[in-house]
């Protein structure tokens, strides 16, 4: 059975990159994983849905959602506020 979402990413080393992938059936879990990749500065190569590469528009929308999630978490942690207050004040929380 093909997983619903697969993220192909690369760990960057000095002269090469080591490719890997992560699979899940949950889109929220996948978006959280992409947010972790963004936070760590790892290369996101592809995002696939049911084995097919997402079109560029959908890929960008997925990454934008992950970036918003990451920004929300960072703001909440830094300011010591809850997601509801972050949403009201800054508008990133989902």
Protein backbone atom coordinates (compact mmCIF):
# COMPACT_ATOMS: atom_id res chain seq x y z
CA UNK A 1 0.00 0.00 0.00
CA UNK A 2 1.37 3.41 -1.00
CA UNK A 3 1.48 5.94 1.85
CA UNK A 4 -0.61 9.08 1.28
CA UNK A 5 2.30 11.48 1.84
CA UNK A 6 6.03 11.02 1.32
CA UNK A 7 8.65 13.70 1.87
CA UNK A 8 12.06 13.26 0.25
CA UNK A 9 14.75 15.29 1.97
CA UNK A 10 18.52 15.45 2.17
CA UNK A 11 21.00 15.77 4.99
CA UNK A 12 23.71 18.15 3.86
CA UNK A 13 27.33 17.30 4.52
CA UNK A 14 30.46 19.15 3.48
CA UNK A 15 30.81 17.70 -0.01
CA UNK A 16 27.71 15.59 -0.48
CA UNK A 17 24.11 15.08 0.56
CA UNK A 18 22.55 11.95 2.01
CA UNK A 19 18.98 11.44 0.79
CA UNK A 20 16.19 9.99 2.88
CA UNK A 21 12.41 9.95 3.03
CA UNK A 22 9.55 10.09 5.52
CA UNK A 23 6.08 8.66 4.92
CA UNK A 24 2.74 9.08 6.68
CA UNK A 25 -0.97 8.92 5.95
CA UNK A 26 -1.75 12.03 8.00
CA UNK A 27 -1.38 15.42 6.26
CA UNK A 28 -1.00 17.28 9.59
CA UNK A 29 1.84 15.01 10.70
CA UNK A 30 3.47 15.47 7.30
CA UNK A 31 3.22 19.27 7.57
CA UNK A 32 4.73 19.13 11.09
CA UNK A 33 7.61 17.03 9.72
CA UNK A 34 8.24 19.56 6.94
CA UNK A 35 8.24 22.31 9.60
CA UNK A 36 10.96 20.38 11.47
CA UNK A 37 12.99 20.10 8.27
CA UNK A 38 12.67 23.85 7.72
CA UNK A 39 13.69 24.51 11.32
CA UNK A 40 16.80 22.35 10.94
CA UNK A 41 17.69 23.82 7.54
CA UNK A 42 17.50 20.48 5.72
CA UNK A 43 16.81 20.30 1.99
CA UNK A 44 13.22 19.39 1.07
CA UNK A 45 13.52 17.68 -2.32
CA UNK A 46 9.99 16.43 -3.06
CA UNK A 47 6.62 16.01 -1.46
CA UNK A 48 4.51 13.23 -2.92
CA UNK A 49 0.83 12.46 -2.51
CA UNK A 50 -0.06 8.82 -3.15
CA UNK A 51 3.23 8.31 -5.02
CA UNK A 52 2.88 11.34 -7.32
CA UNK A 53 4.94 14.53 -6.95
CA UNK A 54 2.84 17.47 -5.82
CA UNK A 55 2.48 20.18 -8.47
CA UNK A 56 4.60 23.29 -7.76
CA UNK A 57 1.59 25.28 -6.51
CA UNK A 58 0.56 22.56 -4.04
CA UNK A 59 4.19 22.00 -2.97
CA UNK A 60 4.53 25.72 -2.24
CA UNK A 61 1.22 25.78 -0.34
CA UNK A 62 2.38 22.80 1.76
CA UNK A 63 5.72 24.44 2.58
CA UNK A 64 3.99 27.76 3.36
CA UNK A 65 1.70 25.97 5.82
CA UNK A 66 4.70 24.31 7.47
CA UNK A 67 6.49 27.66 7.69
CA UNK A 68 3.42 29.24 9.32
CA UNK A 69 3.27 26.38 11.80
CA UNK A 70 6.97 26.82 12.60
CA UNK A 71 6.60 30.59 13.01
CA UNK A 72 3.62 30.10 15.32
CA UNK A 73 5.51 27.64 17.53
CA UNK A 74 8.56 29.91 17.72
CA UNK A 75 6.45 32.95 18.65
CA UNK A 76 4.52 31.03 21.31
CA UNK A 77 7.74 29.68 22.82
CA UNK A 78 9.60 33.00 22.72
CA UNK A 79 6.77 35.10 24.12
CA UNK A 80 5.32 32.47 26.45
CA UNK A 81 1.84 32.80 24.96
CA UNK A 82 -0.80 30.30 23.88
CA UNK A 83 -1.72 29.56 20.27
CA UNK A 84 -5.02 31.46 20.54
CA UNK A 85 -3.24 34.65 21.61
CA UNK A 86 -0.60 34.17 18.91
CA UNK A 87 -3.38 33.80 16.33
CA UNK A 88 -5.06 36.99 17.51
CA UNK A 89 -1.88 39.04 17.71
CA UNK A 90 0.19 37.66 14.81
CA UNK A 91 -2.09 35.47 12.68
CA UNK A 92 0.14 32.43 12.14
CA UNK A 93 -1.61 29.67 14.15
CA UNK A 94 -3.68 27.21 12.21
